[in-house]
Amino acid sequence: MDRRKFMAGCMGLPLLAQASRAQAQAGLTKIIFPFAAGAGGDTLCRLIAQEISPVLQRTIVVENRTGGDGLIGIKSVKGASPDGSMVLVTTGPTMYLLPMVETTPSFDTAKDFMPVSLLARFEFAVVIGPGVDAADFKGFVTWLKAHPDKTSFGVPSNGTIPHFAGSKLEKDLGIPLTRVPYRGSAPILNDLIGGHISFGITTLADALPQHRARGVKIVGVSSAERSPFAPDVPTLKESGIDLVADAWYGMWLPAGSPPEFASKLGAAASAALAKPEVKEKLTAIGLIPVGSSADGLSKELAANTAFWQPIVKATGYKIEN
């Protein structure tokens, strides 16, 4: 090895040791995200981690612990030490739907986790293919009634909000519908364009590019108010369907975590989400930044649980575990 390089390396060792000591003193917090890297939720986690690290004076890293429709990551935080070393960020539906559909629930959200903050919302859309002759949701319903042999619709997966939104739609419209589960939004959109299914219920952000290119048409959004991403598209409520089915990301700690740390963490996350540059990055990928108190997250979870429980129960859908 070159002597000067060796000496430079040796001189750097005290600095490395000092950095390690500082990191140990500041502490390490892992944000556990139970889904794959690269999607919107993962981007949300990494933006928040970057923003809150200096505020909390802790090293914040994001770890993707995937599998089991989110269960592997959720259970790892459930069993973690309540010392601020692990934080869970996941979708609301994983926290209220999974306990409903498992034959033996793996966790109790209220007992096993401490709420921190609601982070961001995202919406779903009812999307029709080019073979459906309809200009809007009302026309789509008329078309469905006239074509009872063409009522197949796609959802990104079974046991999801689109799955149960389809069940609610079937009940409200009084039209028998045939659900076809896919692995994500992309194959749904491909089959819509190809005429293999008549409509799909999927994430609005995923459907928007093809909607704008006129490959498919979004005829309804699931949010309480019109989406800022598609302001020309009416909500399902506006179209006479009593269904508000937006989804969201939330942040939790293991039960028993220090309330002071939870409060500081929630405040830091909310402040990060209020920054214009963070808002811009999130809205670019179809997420609506929110930020809330722990109580706000708890109320959101309770309202969603109360709304979806009878719908899920009526379907009889269960996951064996």
Protein backbone atom coordinates (compact mmCIF):
# COMPACT_ATOMS: atom_id res chain seq x y z
CA MET A 1 0.00 0.00 0.00
CA ASP A 2 1.21 3.54 -0.74
CA ARG A 3 2.73 5.01 2.49
CA ARG A 4 0.92 8.34 2.16
CA LYS A 5 -2.41 6.60 1.63
CA PHE A 6 -1.70 4.40 4.65
CA MET A 7 -0.89 7.40 6.84
CA ALA A 8 -3.98 9.26 5.61
CA GLY A 9 -6.09 6.23 6.46
CA CYS A 10 -4.62 6.05 9.93
CA MET A 11 -5.22 9.75 10.50
CA GLY A 12 -8.86 9.19 9.52
CA LEU A 13 -9.39 6.42 12.08
CA PRO A 14 -9.93 8.77 15.06
CA LEU A 15 -12.49 10.68 13.03
CA LEU A 16 -14.33 7.47 12.20
CA ALA A 17 -14.26 6.41 15.82
CA GLN A 18 -15.52 9.82 16.87
CA ALA A 19 -18.38 9.58 14.34
CA SER A 20 -19.27 6.12 15.61
CA ARG A 21 -19.33 7.33 19.21
CA ALA A 22 -21.50 10.29 18.22
CA GLN A 23 -23.93 7.99 16.38
CA ALA A 24 -24.14 5.65 19.35
CA GLN A 25 -24.77 8.58 21.69
CA ALA A 26 -27.40 10.08 19.39
CA GLY A 27 -29.06 6.71 18.87
CA LEU A 28 -30.23 4.81 15.82
CA THR A 29 -33.88 4.63 14.76
CA LYS A 30 -35.06 2.30 12.01
CA ILE A 31 -38.20 3.18 10.09
CA ILE A 32 -39.64 -0.19 9.12
CA PHE A 33 -41.60 -0.06 5.87
CA PRO A 34 -43.24 -3.45 5.16
CA PHE A 35 -43.29 -3.09 1.38
CA ALA A 36 -40.72 -2.97 -1.41
CA ALA A 37 -38.40 -0.06 -2.10
CA GLY A 38 -39.09 2.34 -4.95
CA ALA A 39 -42.83 2.97 -4.61
CA GLY A 40 -44.60 6.01 -3.15
CA GLY A 41 -44.67 4.83 0.46
CA ASP A 42 -40.95 4.07 0.40
CA THR A 43 -40.23 7.54 -0.97
CA LEU A 44 -42.38 9.02 1.80
CA CYS A 45 -40.35 7.15 4.45
CA ARG A 46 -37.02 8.29 3.04
CA LEU A 47 -38.07 11.92 2.79
CA ILE A 48 -39.30 11.88 6.39
CA ALA A 49 -36.15 10.11 7.61
CA GLN A 50 -33.97 12.77 5.99
CA GLU A 51 -35.98 15.61 7.51
CA ILE A 52 -36.45 14.35 11.07
CA SER A 53 -32.92 13.04 11.68
CA PRO A 54 -31.42 16.44 12.62
CA VAL A 55 -34.50 17.39 14.63
CA LEU A 56 -34.42 14.25 16.77
CA GLN A 57 -30.59 14.19 16.76
CA ARG A 58 -30.71 10.51 15.87
CA THR A 59 -29.52 8.51 12.90
CA ILE A 60 -32.65 7.52 10.97
CA VAL A 61 -32.54 4.69 8.42
CA VAL A 62 -35.32 3.10 6.37
CA GLU A 63 -35.52 -0.67 6.23
CA ASN A 64 -37.85 -2.56 3.87
CA ARG A 65 -39.09 -5.72 5.59
CA THR A 66 -41.43 -7.18 3.01
CA GLY A 67 -43.71 -10.19 2.90
CA GLY A 68 -47.04 -11.48 4.16
CA ASP A 69 -49.03 -8.51 2.77
CA GLY A 70 -47.19 -6.29 5.27
CA LEU A 71 -47.31 -8.70 8.22
CA ILE A 72 -43.58 -9.39 8.46
CA GLY A 73 -42.70 -5.73 8.95
CA ILE A 74 -45.64 -5.06 11.25
CA LYS A 75 -44.85 -8.02 13.51
CA SER A 76 -41.17 -7.07 13.72
CA VAL A 77 -42.10 -3.66 15.16
CA LYS A 78 -44.76 -5.22 17.41
CA GLY A 79 -42.06 -7.34 19.03
CA ALA A 80 -39.41 -4.61 19.16
CA SER A 81 -38.09 -2.96 22.30
CA PRO A 82 -40.11 0.23 23.04
CA ASP A 83 -37.02 2.42 23.18
CA GLY A 84 -37.39 4.48 20.00
CA SER A 85 -35.13 2.18 17.98
CA MET A 86 -37.95 1.02 15.68
CA VAL A 87 -40.79 2.93 14.04
CA LEU A 88 -43.47 1.47 11.77
CA VAL A 89 -44.72 3.31 8.70
CA THR A 90 -47.37 1.47 6.74
CA THR A 91 -50.74 1.92 5.07
CA GLY A 92 -53.85 2.35 7.17
CA PRO A 93 -55.58 -0.62 5.49
CA THR A 94 -52.84 -3.01 6.62
CA MET A 95 -53.50 -1.94 10.21
CA TYR A 96 -57.29 -2.30 10.14
CA LEU A 97 -58.01 -4.80 7.34
CA LEU A 98 -55.47 -7.49 8.25
CA PRO A 99 -56.91 -8.09 11.75
CA MET A 100 -60.35 -8.37 10.12
CA VAL A 101 -59.45 -10.96 7.52
CA GLU A 102 -56.97 -13.19 9.37
CA THR A 103 -58.58 -16.24 10.95
CA THR A 104 -56.37 -15.63 14.00
CA PRO A 105 -55.30 -11.96 14.08
CA SER A 106 -51.52 -11.54 14.32
CA PHE A 107 -51.81 -8.22 16.10
CA ASP A 108 -54.19 -5.82 17.81
CA THR A 109 -53.44 -2.32 16.55
CA ALA A 110 -54.82 -0.57 19.64
CA LYS A 111 -53.00 -2.80 22.14
CA ASP A 112 -49.75 -3.55 20.32
CA PHE A 113 -48.89 -0.13 18.92
CA MET A 114 -48.67 3.51 19.99
CA PRO A 115 -50.02 5.96 17.39
CA VAL A 116 -47.71 8.76 16.28
CA SER A 117 -49.04 10.59 13.22
CA LEU A 118 -51.12 10.35 10.06
CA LEU A 119 -48.65 11.08 7.25
CA ALA A 120 -50.19 11.21 3.78
CA ARG A 121 -53.27 10.19 1.84
CA PHE A 122 -53.73 8.55 -1.53
CA GLU A 123 -56.84 7.76 -3.50
CA PHE A 124 -58.39 5.02 -5.58
CA ALA A 125 -60.21 5.30 -8.88
CA VAL A 126 -62.85 3.48 -10.89
CA VAL A 127 -61.32 3.12 -14.35
CA ILE A 128 -63.07 1.94 -17.52
CA GLY A 129 -61.53 0.56 -20.69
CA PRO A 130 -62.06 1.80 -24.26
CA GLY A 131 -64.67 -0.90 -24.86
CA VAL A 132 -67.07 0.72 -22.39
CA ASP A 133 -69.17 3.34 -24.15
CA ALA A 134 -69.61 5.84 -21.33
CA ALA A 135 -68.61 9.44 -20.72
CA ASP A 136 -69.06 9.42 -16.94
CA PHE A 137 -69.96 7.21 -13.97
CA LYS A 138 -73.71 7.41 -14.60
CA GLY A 139 -73.18 6.32 -18.20
CA PHE A 140 -70.89 3.54 -16.99
CA VAL A 141 -73.61 2.17 -14.69
CA THR A 142 -76.12 2.28 -17.56
CA TRP A 143 -73.63 0.38 -19.74
CA LEU A 144 -73.08 -2.27 -17.03
CA LYS A 145 -76.80 -2.90 -16.72
CA ALA A 146 -77.06 -3.30 -20.49
CA HIS A 147 -74.10 -5.74 -20.61
CA PRO A 148 -74.54 -8.23 -17.73
CA ASP A 149 -72.03 -10.58 -19.39
CA LYS A 150 -69.25 -7.96 -19.24
CA THR A 151 -69.06 -7.10 -15.55
CA SER A 152 -65.56 -8.40 -14.77
CA PHE A 153 -63.36 -5.90 -12.94
CA GLY A 154 -59.74 -5.95 -11.84
CA VAL A 155 -58.23 -5.20 -8.43
CA PRO A 156 -54.51 -5.07 -7.52
CA SER A 157 -54.89 -7.95 -5.04
CA ASN A 158 -57.44 -9.76 -2.91
CA GLY A 159 -58.05 -8.47 0.61
CA THR A 160 -57.38 -4.85 -0.31
CA ILE A 161 -59.45 -1.65 -0.32
CA PRO A 162 -60.20 -2.05 -4.07
CA HIS A 163 -61.41 -5.61 -3.37
CA PHE A 164 -63.88 -4.50 -0.71
CA ALA A 165 -64.76 -1.28 -2.55
CA GLY A 166 -65.85 -3.53 -5.41
CA SER A 167 -68.05 -5.50 -3.00
CA LYS A 168 -69.62 -2.25 -1.78
CA LEU A 169 -70.14 -1.08 -5.36
CA GLU A 170 -71.82 -4.37 -6.26
CA LYS A 171 -74.21 -4.03 -3.33
CA ASP A 172 -75.03 -0.37 -3.95
CA LEU A 173 -75.57 -0.80 -7.69
CA GLY A 174 -77.46 -4.08 -7.36
CA ILE A 175 -75.46 -5.51 -10.28
CA PRO A 176 -73.58 -8.84 -9.98
CA LEU A 177 -69.89 -8.13 -10.56
CA THR A 178 -66.98 -10.54 -11.10
CA ARG A 179 -63.75 -9.60 -9.31
CA VAL A 180 -60.44 -10.53 -10.96
CA PRO A 181 -57.37 -10.20 -8.68
CA TYR A 182 -54.09 -9.06 -10.25
CA ARG A 183 -50.58 -8.42 -8.97
CA GLY A 184 -50.57 -4.64 -8.99
CA SER A 185 -52.04 -1.89 -11.13
CA ALA A 186 -50.00 -2.29 -14.34
CA PRO A 187 -51.58 -5.59 -15.48
CA ILE A 188 -55.06 -4.22 -14.72
CA LEU A 189 -54.45 -1.25 -17.00
CA ASN A 190 -53.00 -3.50 -19.72
CA ASP A 191 -56.08 -5.73 -19.64
CA LEU A 192 -58.39 -2.72 -19.64
CA ILE A 193 -56.73 -1.36 -22.77
CA GLY A 194 -56.80 -4.83 -24.31
CA GLY A 195 -60.51 -5.23 -23.59
CA HIS A 196 -60.10 -8.30 -21.36
CA ILE A 197 -61.96 -6.66 -18.47
CA SER A 198 -64.49 -3.82 -18.47
CA PHE A 199 -63.26 -1.80 -15.51
CA GLY A 200 -60.83 -1.75 -12.64
CA ILE A 201 -60.51 -0.27 -9.17
CA THR A 202 -56.94 0.74 -8.47
CA THR A 203 -54.69 3.51 -7.21
CA LEU A 204 -55.49 6.86 -8.81
CA ALA A 205 -51.82 7.78 -9.25
CA ASP A 206 -51.19 4.58 -11.21
CA ALA A 207 -54.18 5.14 -13.52
CA LEU A 208 -53.54 8.83 -14.25
CA PRO A 209 -50.89 8.46 -17.00
CA GLN A 210 -53.13 6.23 -19.14
CA HIS A 211 -56.15 8.42 -18.33
CA ARG A 212 -54.28 11.48 -19.58
CA ALA A 213 -53.12 9.55 -22.67
CA ARG A 214 -56.78 8.52 -23.23
CA GLY A 215 -55.95 4.84 -23.07
CA VAL A 216 -58.46 4.45 -20.24
CA LYS A 217 -60.98 6.74 -18.56
CA ILE A 218 -61.29 7.45 -14.83
CA VAL A 219 -65.00 7.88 -14.07
CA GLY A 220 -64.90 8.17 -10.28
CA VAL A 221 -62.48 8.77 -7.41
CA SER A 222 -62.87 7.33 -3.94
CA SER A 223 -61.88 10.37 -1.89
CA ALA A 224 -64.23 12.55 0.15
CA GLU A 225 -63.47 15.52 -2.10
CA ARG A 226 -62.32 15.78 -5.70
CA SER A 227 -58.69 14.88 -6.12
CA PRO A 228 -56.20 17.67 -6.85
CA PHE A 229 -54.65 15.23 -9.35
CA ALA A 230 -57.90 14.82 -11.32
CA PRO A 231 -60.17 17.77 -10.42
CA ASP A 232 -62.40 17.14 -13.44
CA VAL A 233 -63.40 13.67 -12.18
CA PRO A 234 -66.37 13.52 -9.73
CA THR A 235 -66.12 11.56 -6.49
CA LEU A 236 -68.17 8.39 -6.06
CA LYS A 237 -70.20 10.30 -3.45
CA GLU A 238 -71.09 12.89 -6.08
CA SER A 239 -72.24 10.06 -8.31
CA GLY A 240 -74.60 8.68 -5.68
CA ILE A 241 -72.39 5.91 -4.24
CA ASP A 242 -72.03 6.09 -0.46
CA LEU A 243 -68.36 5.19 -0.47
CA VAL A 244 -65.31 7.14 0.64
CA ALA A 245 -62.33 4.85 0.35
CA ASP A 246 -59.13 6.81 0.23
CA ALA A 247 -56.15 5.24 1.95
CA TRP A 248 -53.29 6.68 3.91
CA TYR A 249 -49.92 6.09 5.49
CA GLY A 250 -49.48 6.30 9.25
CA MET A 251 -46.66 6.07 11.76
CA TRP A 252 -46.65 3.91 14.91
CA LEU A 253 -44.27 2.91 17.70
CA PRO A 254 -44.37 -0.32 19.71
CA ALA A 255 -46.79 -0.17 22.66
CA GLY A 256 -45.12 1.08 25.82
CA SER A 257 -42.82 3.54 24.06
CA PRO A 258 -42.05 6.79 25.94
CA PRO A 259 -44.88 9.30 25.28
CA GLU A 260 -42.36 12.16 25.14
CA PHE A 261 -40.47 10.50 22.30
CA ALA A 262 -43.71 9.70 20.46
CA SER A 263 -44.81 13.32 20.75
CA LYS A 264 -41.45 14.66 19.54
CA LEU A 265 -41.38 12.17 16.65
CA GLY A 266 -44.92 13.08 15.58
CA ALA A 267 -44.20 16.80 15.72
CA ALA A 268 -41.03 16.35 13.65
CA ALA A 269 -42.83 14.28 11.02
CA SER A 270 -45.71 16.77 10.76
CA ALA A 271 -43.28 19.70 10.45
CA ALA A 272 -41.43 17.86 7.68
CA LEU A 273 -44.65 17.21 5.76
CA ALA A 274 -45.54 20.90 5.96
CA LYS A 275 -42.36 21.97 4.13
CA PRO A 276 -43.07 23.19 0.56
CA GLU A 277 -40.22 21.19 -0.95
CA VAL A 278 -41.43 17.98 0.73
CA LYS A 279 -45.02 18.64 -0.35
CA GLU A 280 -43.87 19.16 -3.92
CA LYS A 281 -41.97 15.86 -4.01
CA LEU A 282 -44.88 13.91 -2.54
CA THR A 283 -47.62 15.40 -4.70
CA ALA A 284 -45.47 14.59 -7.74
CA ILE A 285 -45.96 10.89 -6.94
CA GLY A 286 -49.66 11.13 -6.09
CA LEU A 287 -49.46 11.48 -2.30
CA ILE A 288 -51.24 14.20 -0.34
CA PRO A 289 -49.18 15.21 2.74
CA VAL A 290 -51.18 15.46 5.96
CA GLY A 291 -49.41 15.24 9.32
CA SER A 292 -51.46 14.97 12.50
CA SER A 293 -51.40 14.35 16.21
CA ALA A 294 -51.47 10.82 17.65
CA ASP A 295 -55.13 11.40 18.43
CA GLY A 296 -55.79 12.30 14.81
CA LEU A 297 -54.28 8.99 13.67
CA SER A 298 -56.31 7.04 16.25
CA LYS A 299 -59.56 8.69 15.15
CA GLU A 300 -58.80 7.98 11.48
CA LEU A 301 -58.09 4.33 12.26
CA ALA A 302 -61.29 3.99 14.34
CA ALA A 303 -63.45 5.59 11.64
CA ASN A 304 -62.02 3.34 8.93
CA THR A 305 -62.42 0.23 11.08
CA ALA A 306 -66.06 1.03 11.80
CA PHE A 307 -66.78 1.71 8.13
CA TRP A 308 -65.10 -1.36 6.64
CA GLN A 309 -65.86 -3.99 9.27
CA PRO A 310 -69.45 -4.72 8.18
CA ILE A 311 -68.46 -4.62 4.50
CA VAL A 312 -65.59 -7.08 5.01
CA LYS A 313 -67.71 -9.32 7.23
CA ALA A 314 -70.47 -9.48 4.60
CA THR A 315 -67.99 -10.79 2.02
CA GLY A 316 -66.91 -13.68 4.24
CA TYR A 317 -63.35 -13.23 3.01
CA LYS A 318 -60.66 -14.75 5.28
CA ILE A 319 -56.92 -15.42 5.18
CA GLU A 320 -55.83 -18.72 6.75
CA ASN A 321 -52.82 -18.25 9.01
